[in-house]
Amino acid sequence: MNKYNRLLTSIVISFTLSGCAGLADSMNKIADLGVVSEGVSTFDDAIIIKVTPNWLFETDTQWVKTKLGAHWTSTAPDYVALIMSYGSDVRSGTAYLVFTGIDINIDGKILSYKTNTQTSIDSSSYNTISNTFYTESKNSVVMPLATLLKMVKAKDCRLRIYTSKGYEDITFNIERSASGQSTALVSLREFLAKVSSVK
């Protein structure tokens, strides 16, 4: 294969992969995964920026059940709530999980945070089409905004999320799964860019 053919092949592969990633990202947004939004509180006019929980992976081929999102408000600009979410249905896995905390390993330095409230447990209406009862568990930990910035910039960042069923280990700095699925890292970067623009 000559130099021209190799260049053409690499361009085609690049466009194909970016197209797959774009499609996966669009599907995530439709499913309300990793969606960044900005609003204003009707109570005190505070700016509120949120990102809905998005996928986490143990390896690029092995996802975990917990998703990660975040919530920031201009009334406490130096802190962020990291949201842990678990969704299930009664036909697959545990119906509910209780989140108790998270350990964050940023380039070898380990930080620990505990949840301060009870896990929010919700269930949707019964779906007659799939005959499935969907559930969601959600809780958060509050941490310095600077810690989240370090997480997304780290060369090596790992998480251990504690639940009523034990814990899950996550390789946080995986940007995409082997199938092109974007992760919480990608959406949290977008979230932090939005926070930075209004802070």
C-alpha atoms as a PDB file:
ATOM      1  CA  MET A   1       0.000   0.000   0.000  1.00  0.00           C
ATOM      2  CA  ASN A   2       1.525   3.336  -1.053  1.00  0.00           C
ATOM      3  CA  LYS A   3       1.604   6.502   1.017  1.00  0.00           C
ATOM      4  CA  TYR A   4      -1.482   7.977  -0.705  1.00  0.00           C
ATOM      5  CA  ASN A   5      -3.594   4.856  -0.072  1.00  0.00           C
ATOM      6  CA  ARG A   6      -2.511   4.718   3.574  1.00  0.00           C
ATOM      7  CA  LEU A   7      -3.470   8.376   4.041  1.00  0.00           C
ATOM      8  CA  LEU A   8      -6.845   7.829   2.367  1.00  0.00           C
ATOM      9  CA  THR A   9      -7.516   4.743   4.499  1.00  0.00           C
ATOM     10  CA  SER A  10      -6.676   6.580   7.729  1.00  0.00           C
ATOM     11  CA  ILE A  11      -8.978   9.481   6.741  1.00  0.00           C
ATOM     12  CA  VAL A  12     -11.870   7.093   6.027  1.00  0.00           C
ATOM     13  CA  ILE A  13     -11.328   5.280   9.345  1.00  0.00           C
ATOM     14  CA  SER A  14     -11.177   8.604  11.195  1.00  0.00           C
ATOM     15  CA  PHE A  15     -14.464   9.813   9.656  1.00  0.00           C
ATOM     16  CA  THR A  16     -16.124   6.474  10.358  1.00  0.00           C
ATOM     17  CA  LEU A  17     -15.074   6.473  14.012  1.00  0.00           C
ATOM     18  CA  SER A  18     -16.073  10.112  14.537  1.00  0.00           C
ATOM     19  CA  GLY A  19     -19.429   9.357  12.907  1.00  0.00           C
ATOM     20  CA  CYS A  20     -20.007   6.411  15.265  1.00  0.00           C
ATOM     21  CA  ALA A  21     -19.003   8.540  18.262  1.00  0.00           C
ATOM     22  CA  GLY A  22     -21.338  11.320  17.120  1.00  0.00           C
ATOM     23  CA  LEU A  23     -24.225   8.872  16.771  1.00  0.00           C
ATOM     24  CA  ALA A  24     -23.497   7.381  20.221  1.00  0.00           C
ATOM     25  CA  ASP A  25     -23.406  10.895  21.730  1.00  0.00           C
ATOM     26  CA  SER A  26     -26.725  11.781  20.083  1.00  0.00           C
ATOM     27  CA  MET A  27     -28.314   8.609  21.442  1.00  0.00           C
ATOM     28  CA  ASN A  28     -27.010   9.487  24.929  1.00  0.00           C
ATOM     29  CA  LYS A  29     -28.612  12.947  24.735  1.00  0.00           C
ATOM     30  CA  ILE A  30     -31.932  11.451  23.614  1.00  0.00           C
ATOM     31  CA  ALA A  31     -31.756   9.104  26.626  1.00  0.00           C
ATOM     32  CA  ASP A  32     -30.985  12.116  28.902  1.00  0.00           C
ATOM     33  CA  LEU A  33     -27.460  10.863  29.656  1.00  0.00           C
ATOM     34  CA  GLY A  34     -24.795  13.519  30.193  1.00  0.00           C
ATOM     35  CA  VAL A  35     -27.046  16.459  29.293  1.00  0.00           C
ATOM     36  CA  VAL A  36     -25.751  19.823  30.566  1.00  0.00           C
ATOM     37  CA  SER A  37     -28.336  22.477  31.440  1.00  0.00           C
ATOM     38  CA  GLU A  38     -28.313  25.964  32.952  1.00  0.00           C
ATOM     39  CA  GLY A  39     -31.137  27.641  34.847  1.00  0.00           C
ATOM     40  CA  VAL A  40     -31.938  30.335  37.385  1.00  0.00           C
ATOM     41  CA  SER A  41     -33.451  29.687  40.814  1.00  0.00           C
ATOM     42  CA  THR A  42     -36.891  31.250  41.274  1.00  0.00           C
ATOM     43  CA  PHE A  43     -36.097  31.614  44.980  1.00  0.00           C
ATOM     44  CA  ASP A  44     -32.841  33.595  45.062  1.00  0.00           C
ATOM     45  CA  ASP A  45     -31.884  34.095  41.376  1.00  0.00           C
ATOM     46  CA  ALA A  46     -28.874  31.804  41.775  1.00  0.00           C
ATOM     47  CA  ILE A  47     -27.454  30.304  38.583  1.00  0.00           C
ATOM     48  CA  ILE A  48     -27.777  26.523  38.600  1.00  0.00           C
ATOM     49  CA  ILE A  49     -25.827  24.262  36.258  1.00  0.00           C
ATOM     50  CA  LYS A  50     -26.495  20.533  36.095  1.00  0.00           C
ATOM     51  CA  VAL A  51     -25.323  17.547  34.110  1.00  0.00           C
ATOM     52  CA  THR A  52     -27.462  14.413  34.142  1.00  0.00           C
ATOM     53  CA  PRO A  53     -25.686  11.197  35.147  1.00  0.00           C
ATOM     54  CA  ASN A  54     -23.743   9.430  32.392  1.00  0.00           C
ATOM     55  CA  TRP A  55     -22.053   6.042  31.999  1.00  0.00           C
ATOM     56  CA  LEU A  56     -19.033   4.856  33.964  1.00  0.00           C
ATOM     57  CA  PHE A  57     -16.774   1.949  32.996  1.00  0.00           C
ATOM     58  CA  GLU A  58     -14.457  -0.430  34.825  1.00  0.00           C
ATOM     59  CA  THR A  59     -12.632  -1.032  31.528  1.00  0.00           C
ATOM     60  CA  ASP A  60     -13.479   0.214  28.030  1.00  0.00           C
ATOM     61  CA  THR A  61     -15.516  -2.960  27.475  1.00  0.00           C
ATOM     62  CA  GLN A  62     -16.993  -3.399  30.973  1.00  0.00           C
ATOM     63  CA  TRP A  63     -19.521  -0.814  32.161  1.00  0.00           C
ATOM     64  CA  VAL A  64     -20.706  -0.525  35.763  1.00  0.00           C
ATOM     65  CA  LYS A  65     -24.233  -0.017  37.050  1.00  0.00           C
ATOM     66  CA  THR A  66     -23.668   3.408  38.602  1.00  0.00           C
ATOM     67  CA  LYS A  67     -23.731   6.613  36.540  1.00  0.00           C
ATOM     68  CA  LEU A  68     -22.223   9.977  37.493  1.00  0.00           C
ATOM     69  CA  GLY A  69     -23.530  13.543  37.107  1.00  0.00           C
ATOM     70  CA  ALA A  70     -23.097  16.875  38.905  1.00  0.00           C
ATOM     71  CA  HIS A  71     -24.893  19.960  40.238  1.00  0.00           C
ATOM     72  CA  TRP A  72     -23.410  23.444  40.822  1.00  0.00           C
ATOM     73  CA  THR A  73     -24.946  26.667  42.094  1.00  0.00           C
ATOM     74  CA  SER A  74     -23.589  30.213  42.166  1.00  0.00           C
ATOM     75  CA  THR A  75     -24.561  30.484  45.866  1.00  0.00           C
ATOM     76  CA  ALA A  76     -21.724  28.042  46.692  1.00  0.00           C
ATOM     77  CA  PRO A  77     -19.392  28.591  43.732  1.00  0.00           C
ATOM     78  CA  ASP A  78     -16.388  26.719  45.113  1.00  0.00           C
ATOM     79  CA  TYR A  79     -18.263  23.440  45.670  1.00  0.00           C
ATOM     80  CA  VAL A  80     -20.027  20.886  43.528  1.00  0.00           C
ATOM     81  CA  ALA A  81     -22.395  18.020  44.258  1.00  0.00           C
ATOM     82  CA  LEU A  82     -21.297  14.834  42.516  1.00  0.00           C
ATOM     83  CA  ILE A  83     -24.441  12.827  41.761  1.00  0.00           C
ATOM     84  CA  MET A  84     -24.390   9.021  41.838  1.00  0.00           C
ATOM     85  CA  SER A  85     -27.299   7.310  40.125  1.00  0.00           C
ATOM     86  CA  TYR A  86     -28.353   3.697  39.684  1.00  0.00           C
ATOM     87  CA  GLY A  87     -31.213   2.654  37.420  1.00  0.00           C
ATOM     88  CA  SER A  88     -32.667  -0.814  37.129  1.00  0.00           C
ATOM     89  CA  ASP A  89     -35.752  -2.841  36.424  1.00  0.00           C
ATOM     90  CA  VAL A  90     -37.178  -5.716  38.404  1.00  0.00           C
ATOM     91  CA  ARG A  91     -36.115  -8.208  35.750  1.00  0.00           C
ATOM     92  CA  SER A  92     -32.392  -7.349  35.869  1.00  0.00           C
ATOM     93  CA  GLY A  93     -30.323  -6.922  39.003  1.00  0.00           C
ATOM     94  CA  THR A  94     -31.080  -5.192  42.256  1.00  0.00           C
ATOM     95  CA  ALA A  95     -34.160  -2.965  42.248  1.00  0.00           C
ATOM     96  CA  TYR A  96     -32.579  -0.307  44.485  1.00  0.00           C
ATOM     97  CA  LEU A  97     -29.143   0.606  45.815  1.00  0.00           C
ATOM     98  CA  VAL A  98     -28.289   2.849  48.758  1.00  0.00           C
ATOM     99  CA  PHE A  99     -25.213   5.016  48.107  1.00  0.00           C
ATOM    100  CA  THR A 100     -22.970   5.669  51.100  1.00  0.00           C
ATOM    101  CA  GLY A 101     -19.828   7.315  49.721  1.00  0.00           C
ATOM    102  CA  ILE A 102     -17.037   7.496  47.207  1.00  0.00           C
ATOM    103  CA  ASP A 103     -13.234   7.195  47.217  1.00  0.00           C
ATOM    104  CA  ILE A 104     -11.389   9.127  44.511  1.00  0.00           C
ATOM    105  CA  ASN A 105      -7.831   8.179  43.535  1.00  0.00           C
ATOM    106  CA  ILE A 106      -6.299  11.096  41.608  1.00  0.00           C
ATOM    107  CA  ASP A 107      -2.831  10.160  40.352  1.00  0.00           C
ATOM    108  CA  GLY A 108      -2.207   8.148  43.535  1.00  0.00           C
ATOM    109  CA  LYS A 109      -3.748  10.579  46.052  1.00  0.00           C
ATOM    110  CA  ILE A 110      -6.924   9.140  47.597  1.00  0.00           C
ATOM    111  CA  LEU A 111      -9.770  11.354  48.817  1.00  0.00           C
ATOM    112  CA  SER A 112     -12.917  10.060  50.554  1.00  0.00           C
ATOM    113  CA  TYR A 113     -16.401  11.580  50.678  1.00  0.00           C
ATOM    114  CA  LYS A 114     -19.527  10.344  52.451  1.00  0.00           C
ATOM    115  CA  THR A 115     -23.132  11.001  51.504  1.00  0.00           C
ATOM    116  CA  ASN A 116     -24.921  13.333  53.932  1.00  0.00           C
ATOM    117  CA  THR A 117     -28.510  12.507  53.048  1.00  0.00           C
ATOM    118  CA  GLN A 118     -30.607   9.423  52.492  1.00  0.00           C
ATOM    119  CA  THR A 119     -30.540   7.920  49.023  1.00  0.00           C
ATOM    120  CA  SER A 120     -33.490   9.090  46.955  1.00  0.00           C
ATOM    121  CA  ILE A 121     -35.448   6.085  45.727  1.00  0.00           C
ATOM    122  CA  ASP A 122     -37.914   6.491  42.897  1.00  0.00           C
ATOM    123  CA  SER A 123     -39.989   4.227  40.701  1.00  0.00           C
ATOM    124  CA  SER A 124     -41.722   4.963  37.436  1.00  0.00           C
ATOM    125  CA  SER A 125     -45.204   3.897  36.488  1.00  0.00           C
ATOM    126  CA  TYR A 126     -45.670   0.318  35.406  1.00  0.00           C
ATOM    127  CA  ASN A 127     -44.752  -0.112  31.763  1.00  0.00           C
ATOM    128  CA  THR A 128     -47.383  -2.340  30.162  1.00  0.00           C
ATOM    129  CA  ILE A 129     -45.429  -2.756  26.931  1.00  0.00           C
ATOM    130  CA  SER A 130     -42.345  -4.348  28.493  1.00  0.00           C
ATOM    131  CA  ASN A 131     -44.082  -5.525  31.701  1.00  0.00           C
ATOM    132  CA  THR A 132     -41.214  -3.991  33.631  1.00  0.00           C
ATOM    133  CA  PHE A 133     -41.120  -1.814  36.737  1.00  0.00           C
ATOM    134  CA  TYR A 134     -38.282   0.700  36.460  1.00  0.00           C
ATOM    135  CA  THR A 135     -36.510   2.056  39.536  1.00  0.00           C
ATOM    136  CA  GLU A 136     -33.842   4.642  40.275  1.00  0.00           C
ATOM    137  CA  SER A 137     -31.600   5.311  43.270  1.00  0.00           C
ATOM    138  CA  LYS A 138     -29.770   8.628  43.538  1.00  0.00           C
ATOM    139  CA  ASN A 139     -27.530  10.371  46.071  1.00  0.00           C
ATOM    140  CA  SER A 140     -24.655  12.840  46.064  1.00  0.00           C
ATOM    141  CA  VAL A 141     -21.483  13.899  47.807  1.00  0.00           C
ATOM    142  CA  VAL A 142     -20.354  17.517  48.107  1.00  0.00           C
ATOM    143  CA  MET A 143     -16.737  18.271  47.279  1.00  0.00           C
ATOM    144  CA  PRO A 144     -14.570  21.236  46.314  1.00  0.00           C
ATOM    145  CA  LEU A 145     -14.977  22.209  42.676  1.00  0.00           C
ATOM    146  CA  ALA A 146     -11.175  22.070  42.466  1.00  0.00           C
ATOM    147  CA  THR A 147     -11.311  18.313  43.165  1.00  0.00           C
ATOM    148  CA  LEU A 148     -13.598  17.694  40.199  1.00  0.00           C
ATOM    149  CA  LEU A 149     -11.273  19.783  38.024  1.00  0.00           C
ATOM    150  CA  LYS A 150      -8.348  17.603  39.132  1.00  0.00           C
ATOM    151  CA  MET A 151     -10.370  14.448  38.375  1.00  0.00           C
ATOM    152  CA  VAL A 152     -11.046  15.409  34.758  1.00  0.00           C
ATOM    153  CA  LYS A 153      -7.425  16.530  34.184  1.00  0.00           C
ATOM    154  CA  ALA A 154      -5.740  13.569  35.880  1.00  0.00           C
ATOM    155  CA  LYS A 155      -3.604  11.108  33.945  1.00  0.00           C
ATOM    156  CA  ASP A 156      -4.964   8.347  36.166  1.00  0.00           C
ATOM    157  CA  CYS A 157      -8.217   8.725  38.082  1.00  0.00           C
ATOM    158  CA  ARG A 158     -10.070   5.811  39.661  1.00  0.00           C
ATOM    159  CA  LEU A 159     -13.245   5.741  41.697  1.00  0.00           C
ATOM    160  CA  ARG A 160     -14.659   3.353  44.264  1.00  0.00           C
ATOM    161  CA  ILE A 161     -18.361   3.950  44.844  1.00  0.00           C
ATOM    162  CA  TYR A 162     -19.808   2.408  48.007  1.00  0.00           C
ATOM    163  CA  THR A 163     -23.350   1.072  48.114  1.00  0.00           C
ATOM    164  CA  SER A 164     -25.543  -1.157  50.249  1.00  0.00           C
ATOM    165  CA  LYS A 165     -24.361  -4.057  48.049  1.00  0.00           C
ATOM    166  CA  GLY A 166     -20.611  -3.427  48.451  1.00  0.00           C
ATOM    167  CA  TYR A 167     -18.687  -1.235  46.028  1.00  0.00           C
ATOM    168  CA  GLU A 168     -17.893  -0.730  42.353  1.00  0.00           C
ATOM    169  CA  ASP A 169     -14.435   0.168  41.025  1.00  0.00           C
ATOM    170  CA  ILE A 170     -14.318   2.543  38.073  1.00  0.00           C
ATOM    171  CA  THR A 171     -11.603   3.750  35.717  1.00  0.00           C
ATOM    172  CA  PHE A 172     -12.792   7.355  35.515  1.00  0.00           C
ATOM    173  CA  ASN A 173     -10.429   8.573  32.796  1.00  0.00           C
ATOM    174  CA  ILE A 174     -11.933   6.337  30.087  1.00  0.00           C
ATOM    175  CA  GLU A 175     -13.506   8.816  27.646  1.00  0.00           C
ATOM    176  CA  ARG A 176     -15.314   6.288  25.471  1.00  0.00           C
ATOM    177  CA  SER A 177     -16.191   2.638  25.604  1.00  0.00           C
ATOM    178  CA  ALA A 178     -14.917   0.250  22.950  1.00  0.00           C
ATOM    179  CA  SER A 179     -18.240   0.758  21.124  1.00  0.00           C
ATOM    180  CA  GLY A 180     -17.866   4.571  21.098  1.00  0.00           C
ATOM    181  CA  GLN A 181     -20.165   5.329  24.040  1.00  0.00           C
ATOM    182  CA  SER A 182     -19.158   8.568  25.759  1.00  0.00           C
ATOM    183  CA  THR A 183     -18.672   8.451  29.517  1.00  0.00           C
ATOM    184  CA  ALA A 184     -19.273  10.711  32.496  1.00  0.00           C
ATOM    185  CA  LEU A 185     -15.791  12.166  31.959  1.00  0.00           C
ATOM    186  CA  VAL A 186     -16.848  13.714  28.635  1.00  0.00           C
ATOM    187  CA  SER A 187     -20.074  15.217  29.999  1.00  0.00           C
ATOM    188  CA  LEU A 188     -18.386  16.460  33.197  1.00  0.00           C
ATOM    189  CA  ARG A 189     -15.827  18.333  31.070  1.00  0.00           C
ATOM    190  CA  GLU A 190     -18.704  20.034  29.260  1.00  0.00           C
ATOM    191  CA  PHE A 191     -20.325  20.783  32.631  1.00  0.00           C
ATOM    192  CA  LEU A 192     -17.122  22.352  34.004  1.00  0.00           C
ATOM    193  CA  ALA A 193     -16.715  24.493  30.880  1.00  0.00           C
ATOM    194  CA  LYS A 194     -20.250  25.842  31.439  1.00  0.00           C
ATOM    195  CA  VAL A 195     -19.516  26.508  35.134  1.00  0.00           C
ATOM    196  CA  SER A 196     -16.283  28.290  34.211  1.00  0.00           C
ATOM    197  CA  SER A 197     -18.143  30.543  31.760  1.00  0.00           C
ATOM    198  CA  VAL A 198     -20.489  31.898  34.449  1.00  0.00           C
ATOM    199  CA  LYS A 199     -18.349  31.714  37.599  1.00  0.00           C
END
